[in-house]
Amino acid sequence: MNGLSLDGRVAMITGAASGIGLAVAGAFGRNGAKIGLLDNRAEKVEEATLNLRAEGIEVEPLVADVSKADQVESATEQLAERFGHIDIVHANAGINGVWARIEDITPEEFDETIAVNLRGSFLTIKYAVPFLKRQGGSVLLTSSVNGTRIFSNTGATPYSCSKAGQVAMAKMLAVELGQFGIRVNAICPGYFPSDIHQTTKRKSEKPVREQAHYPGGARPLKSEATTEQVGDLALFLVSDMAKHITGEVVYIDAGVSLVIG
């Protein structure tokens, strides 16, 4: 039996209409999962849904803002009603938000990043857990190298705090939910092609710090970064091949964070 098979399982993925989320949806779907494809951009959801269905993947399109409790709860119930159960949840939606000196970041800008990245993860998991408890399952959070290994991206304070919080959330919930057969892990990608970079708002034309230069570059591995690589990692972590893994944080960044942290 293929240990990576997700046949019969239902996965809800947030931020799934592009980038890492879409790659994960494809990886899960091609290995048998039915997909709840959630994003706040209706047109992108429709496009991604059509593309995945063209591959023979069963998809339920879900439009919601992950920072809004009522929208997340409604989308989760919609998915459970469509397929009868939920087995996998990937809290992937996120924004870069404002990058600036702390005195230039408004309280509202700080709150926005935390609301999408950290509150959004909380809400996504909160409303899915009652369904996961019925038969067990797997939860995955997309954190980042920023705030967990890299602290030299000066100006990314709100983003880095939200990402560090996701790691703490994964570890706390791994302990809390383990008795119900629910595994919780986090992945920390480095740079990958994604729409999240379009959400970065820099308030200064000049860099907040001088960029360091490393002899020979900062990539111990020279492989090209693709979102499909993250999809493969996510597939492994939610599959039966990782059924004894929980509360772990897995970095996927070609070793860059070991060099420039």
Protein backbone atom coordinates (compact mmCIF):
# COMPACT_ATOMS: atom_id res chain seq x y z
CA MET A 1 0.00 0.00 0.00
CA ASN A 2 1.23 3.48 -0.84
CA GLY A 3 2.00 5.23 2.46
CA LEU A 4 1.50 8.59 0.78
CA SER A 5 -2.04 7.76 -0.34
CA LEU A 6 -4.75 10.09 0.95
CA ASP A 7 -7.60 8.11 -0.59
CA GLY A 8 -10.89 8.80 1.16
CA ARG A 9 -9.59 11.80 3.08
CA VAL A 10 -10.83 15.38 2.95
CA ALA A 11 -8.35 18.23 3.26
CA MET A 12 -9.08 21.90 3.90
CA ILE A 13 -6.30 24.22 2.73
CA THR A 14 -6.33 27.98 3.29
CA GLY A 15 -4.60 30.43 1.00
CA ALA A 16 -5.00 27.68 -1.55
CA ALA A 17 -5.71 29.58 -4.75
CA SER A 18 -2.06 30.21 -5.61
CA GLY A 19 1.55 29.61 -4.60
CA ILE A 20 2.31 27.12 -1.86
CA GLY A 21 -1.34 26.51 -1.03
CA LEU A 22 -2.21 25.58 -4.60
CA ALA A 23 0.84 23.31 -4.86
CA VAL A 24 -0.23 21.56 -1.66
CA ALA A 25 -3.79 21.20 -2.94
CA GLY A 26 -2.45 19.60 -6.10
CA ALA A 27 -0.17 17.22 -4.20
CA PHE A 28 -2.95 16.13 -1.87
CA GLY A 29 -5.51 15.82 -4.66
CA ARG A 30 -3.28 13.81 -6.97
CA ASN A 31 -2.79 11.37 -4.10
CA GLY A 32 -6.50 10.81 -3.57
CA ALA A 33 -7.69 13.57 -1.24
CA LYS A 34 -10.82 15.63 -1.76
CA ILE A 35 -9.94 19.30 -1.43
CA GLY A 36 -11.59 22.21 0.30
CA LEU A 37 -9.87 25.05 -1.53
CA LEU A 38 -10.20 28.19 0.61
CA ASP A 39 -9.03 31.67 -0.29
CA ASN A 40 -10.37 35.22 0.02
CA ARG A 41 -10.10 35.91 -3.73
CA ALA A 42 -13.21 34.55 -5.44
CA GLU A 43 -11.84 34.76 -8.99
CA LYS A 44 -8.63 32.98 -8.01
CA VAL A 45 -10.63 30.29 -6.22
CA GLU A 46 -12.73 29.70 -9.30
CA GLU A 47 -9.67 29.49 -11.56
CA ALA A 48 -7.79 27.12 -9.25
CA THR A 49 -10.87 24.95 -8.81
CA LEU A 50 -11.32 24.56 -12.56
CA ASN A 51 -7.65 23.65 -13.03
CA LEU A 52 -7.67 21.04 -10.28
CA ARG A 53 -10.95 19.54 -11.46
CA ALA A 54 -9.43 19.23 -14.93
CA GLU A 55 -6.93 16.84 -13.32
CA GLY A 56 -9.77 14.76 -11.92
CA ILE A 57 -9.47 16.13 -8.38
CA GLU A 58 -12.65 16.62 -6.36
CA VAL A 59 -12.73 20.21 -5.10
CA GLU A 60 -15.12 22.27 -3.01
CA PRO A 61 -14.42 25.99 -3.58
CA LEU A 62 -14.54 28.06 -0.39
CA VAL A 63 -14.31 31.85 -0.27
CA ALA A 64 -13.49 33.29 3.14
CA ASP A 65 -11.28 35.77 4.98
CA VAL A 66 -9.39 33.66 7.52
CA SER A 67 -9.30 36.55 10.00
CA LYS A 68 -13.12 36.56 10.20
CA ALA A 69 -14.51 33.92 12.57
CA ASP A 70 -17.96 33.69 11.02
CA GLN A 71 -16.56 33.22 7.53
CA VAL A 72 -14.11 30.50 8.59
CA GLU A 73 -16.78 28.66 10.57
CA SER A 74 -19.21 28.80 7.65
CA ALA A 75 -16.61 27.58 5.14
CA THR A 76 -15.60 24.69 7.40
CA GLU A 77 -19.21 23.60 7.82
CA GLN A 78 -19.74 23.89 4.06
CA LEU A 79 -16.83 21.54 3.41
CA ALA A 80 -17.97 19.02 6.02
CA GLU A 81 -21.49 19.06 4.61
CA ARG A 82 -20.19 18.48 1.07
CA PHE A 83 -17.92 15.54 1.82
CA GLY A 84 -19.17 14.31 5.22
CA HIS A 85 -15.94 14.68 7.18
CA ILE A 86 -12.64 16.56 7.43
CA ASP A 87 -9.36 14.72 7.99
CA ILE A 88 -6.61 17.21 7.13
CA VAL A 89 -6.29 20.93 7.77
CA HIS A 90 -3.51 23.09 6.38
CA ALA A 91 -3.48 26.62 7.82
CA ASN A 92 -1.46 28.20 5.05
CA ALA A 93 -3.03 31.61 4.38
CA GLY A 94 -0.81 34.57 5.20
CA ILE A 95 0.39 38.04 4.30
CA ASN A 96 3.76 39.74 4.64
CA GLY A 97 2.13 42.97 5.76
CA VAL A 98 4.04 46.15 6.51
CA TRP A 99 7.82 45.99 6.82
CA ALA A 100 9.24 49.09 8.48
CA ARG A 101 10.91 50.40 11.60
CA ILE A 102 8.79 49.75 14.64
CA GLU A 103 8.08 53.45 15.17
CA ASP A 104 6.72 53.64 11.61
CA ILE A 105 4.33 50.69 11.97
CA THR A 106 0.85 51.70 13.09
CA PRO A 107 -1.06 49.58 15.61
CA GLU A 108 -3.60 48.87 12.88
CA GLU A 109 -0.90 47.57 10.53
CA PHE A 110 0.52 45.33 13.25
CA ASP A 111 -2.95 44.01 14.05
CA GLU A 112 -3.69 43.24 10.39
CA THR A 113 -0.67 40.96 10.01
CA ILE A 114 -1.37 39.17 13.28
CA ALA A 115 -5.06 38.85 12.38
CA VAL A 116 -4.43 37.09 9.08
CA ASN A 117 -1.39 35.01 9.96
CA LEU A 118 -1.89 34.02 13.60
CA ARG A 119 -5.57 34.59 14.32
CA GLY A 120 -6.33 33.07 10.92
CA SER A 121 -4.44 29.90 11.85
CA PHE A 122 -6.24 29.77 15.20
CA LEU A 123 -9.67 30.14 13.60
CA THR A 124 -8.91 27.61 10.85
CA ILE A 125 -7.90 24.97 13.37
CA LYS A 126 -10.53 25.88 15.97
CA TYR A 127 -13.48 25.28 13.68
CA ALA A 128 -11.99 22.17 12.07
CA VAL A 129 -11.02 20.38 15.29
CA PRO A 130 -14.55 19.14 16.16
CA PHE A 131 -14.59 17.32 12.82
CA LEU A 132 -11.03 16.01 13.19
CA LYS A 133 -11.81 14.60 16.65
CA ARG A 134 -14.35 12.22 15.13
CA GLN A 135 -11.70 10.03 13.49
CA GLY A 136 -8.32 11.69 14.08
CA GLY A 137 -6.35 13.52 11.45
CA SER A 138 -3.54 15.88 10.70
CA VAL A 139 -3.01 19.63 11.06
CA LEU A 140 -0.27 21.54 9.29
CA LEU A 141 0.71 25.19 9.65
CA THR A 142 2.82 27.19 7.22
CA SER A 143 5.19 29.22 9.35
CA SER A 144 8.45 30.71 8.03
CA VAL A 145 12.19 30.88 8.51
CA ASN A 146 11.54 34.49 9.57
CA GLY A 147 10.93 34.69 13.29
CA THR A 148 12.10 31.14 13.90
CA ARG A 149 15.65 30.99 12.52
CA ILE A 150 16.16 34.29 10.72
CA PHE A 151 16.04 37.53 12.69
CA SER A 152 18.12 39.71 10.41
CA ASN A 153 15.19 40.85 8.24
CA THR A 154 14.91 44.06 10.19
CA GLY A 155 11.51 45.68 9.75
CA ALA A 156 9.58 42.42 9.51
CA THR A 157 8.58 42.48 13.18
CA PRO A 158 4.81 41.88 12.80
CA TYR A 159 5.34 39.11 10.25
CA SER A 160 8.10 37.40 12.24
CA CYS A 161 6.08 37.55 15.46
CA SER A 162 3.11 35.94 13.72
CA LYS A 163 5.30 33.17 12.32
CA ALA A 164 6.96 32.46 15.67
CA GLY A 165 3.47 32.29 17.16
CA GLN A 166 2.43 29.66 14.65
CA VAL A 167 5.29 27.41 15.75
CA ALA A 168 4.25 27.78 19.38
CA MET A 169 0.66 27.03 18.39
CA ALA A 170 1.70 23.86 16.58
CA LYS A 171 3.63 22.57 19.58
CA MET A 172 0.90 23.44 22.08
CA LEU A 173 -1.80 21.81 19.99
CA ALA A 174 0.29 18.71 19.29
CA VAL A 175 0.17 17.99 23.01
CA GLU A 176 -3.47 19.01 23.46
CA LEU A 177 -4.87 17.11 20.49
CA GLY A 178 -2.66 14.03 20.45
CA GLN A 179 -5.09 12.08 22.65
CA PHE A 180 -7.65 12.39 19.86
CA GLY A 181 -5.31 10.97 17.23
CA ILE A 182 -4.64 14.40 15.74
CA ARG A 183 -1.09 15.23 14.70
CA VAL A 184 0.05 18.85 14.44
CA ASN A 185 3.20 19.99 12.64
CA ALA A 186 4.61 23.16 11.10
CA ILE A 187 6.68 23.80 8.02
CA CYS A 188 9.02 26.75 7.66
CA PRO A 189 9.69 27.62 4.03
CA GLY A 190 12.37 30.02 2.91
CA TYR A 191 11.85 31.94 -0.31
CA PHE A 192 9.44 30.27 -2.73
CA PRO A 193 7.53 31.81 -5.64
CA SER A 194 4.24 32.98 -4.14
CA ASP A 195 1.67 35.75 -4.23
CA ILE A 196 2.50 36.54 -0.59
CA HIS A 197 5.39 38.69 -1.78
CA GLN A 198 2.85 40.99 -3.43
CA THR A 199 1.38 41.71 0.00
CA THR A 200 4.60 43.25 1.32
CA LYS A 201 4.23 46.95 2.09
CA ARG A 202 7.55 48.70 2.67
CA LYS A 203 7.37 52.18 4.18
CA SER A 204 10.94 53.21 3.41
CA GLU A 205 12.60 53.49 0.02
CA LYS A 206 15.93 52.65 1.65
CA PRO A 207 16.53 49.26 3.25
CA VAL A 208 16.18 49.27 7.01
CA ARG A 209 19.58 47.59 7.22
CA GLU A 210 22.55 47.09 4.96
CA GLN A 211 22.37 43.82 3.08
CA ALA A 212 25.12 41.38 3.94
CA HIS A 213 27.06 39.62 1.19
CA TYR A 214 28.23 36.04 1.61
CA PRO A 215 31.15 34.51 -0.27
CA GLY A 216 29.80 31.97 -2.71
CA GLY A 217 26.21 32.86 -1.87
CA ALA A 218 24.02 31.80 1.01
CA ARG A 219 22.58 28.54 -0.34
CA PRO A 220 24.27 25.35 0.90
CA LEU A 221 22.04 23.52 -1.59
CA LYS A 222 21.89 24.91 -5.10
CA SER A 223 18.56 23.37 -6.06
CA GLU A 224 15.92 25.69 -7.47
CA ALA A 225 13.04 26.53 -5.13
CA THR A 226 9.64 25.40 -6.37
CA THR A 227 6.29 25.36 -4.62
CA GLU A 228 5.92 21.72 -5.65
CA GLN A 229 8.73 20.88 -3.21
CA VAL A 230 6.65 22.30 -0.39
CA GLY A 231 3.68 20.32 -1.65
CA ASP A 232 5.72 17.12 -1.44
CA LEU A 233 6.80 17.91 2.12
CA ALA A 234 3.24 18.70 3.18
CA LEU A 235 2.03 15.46 1.60
CA PHE A 236 4.56 13.45 3.59
CA LEU A 237 3.70 15.14 6.88
CA VAL A 238 -0.06 14.55 6.62
CA SER A 239 0.32 11.00 5.27
CA ASP A 240 0.59 7.70 7.14
CA MET A 241 4.32 7.71 6.46
CA ALA A 242 4.57 10.42 9.15
CA LYS A 243 2.03 8.89 11.55
CA HIS A 244 4.53 8.99 14.44
CA ILE A 245 5.52 12.63 13.84
CA THR A 246 3.83 15.45 15.72
CA GLY A 247 4.86 18.76 17.29
CA GLU A 248 7.71 19.08 14.81
CA VAL A 249 8.96 22.04 12.79
CA VAL A 250 10.45 21.20 9.40
CA TYR A 251 12.54 23.75 7.50
CA ILE A 252 12.57 23.77 3.72
CA ASP A 253 14.89 26.51 2.54
CA ALA A 254 17.99 24.84 1.03
CA GLY A 255 19.79 25.51 4.31
CA VAL A 256 19.79 29.30 3.84
CA SER A 257 18.59 30.01 7.38
CA LEU A 258 21.60 28.14 8.75
CA VAL A 259 23.85 30.67 7.05
CA ILE A 260 22.14 34.04 7.35
CA GLY A 261 20.07 33.76 10.54
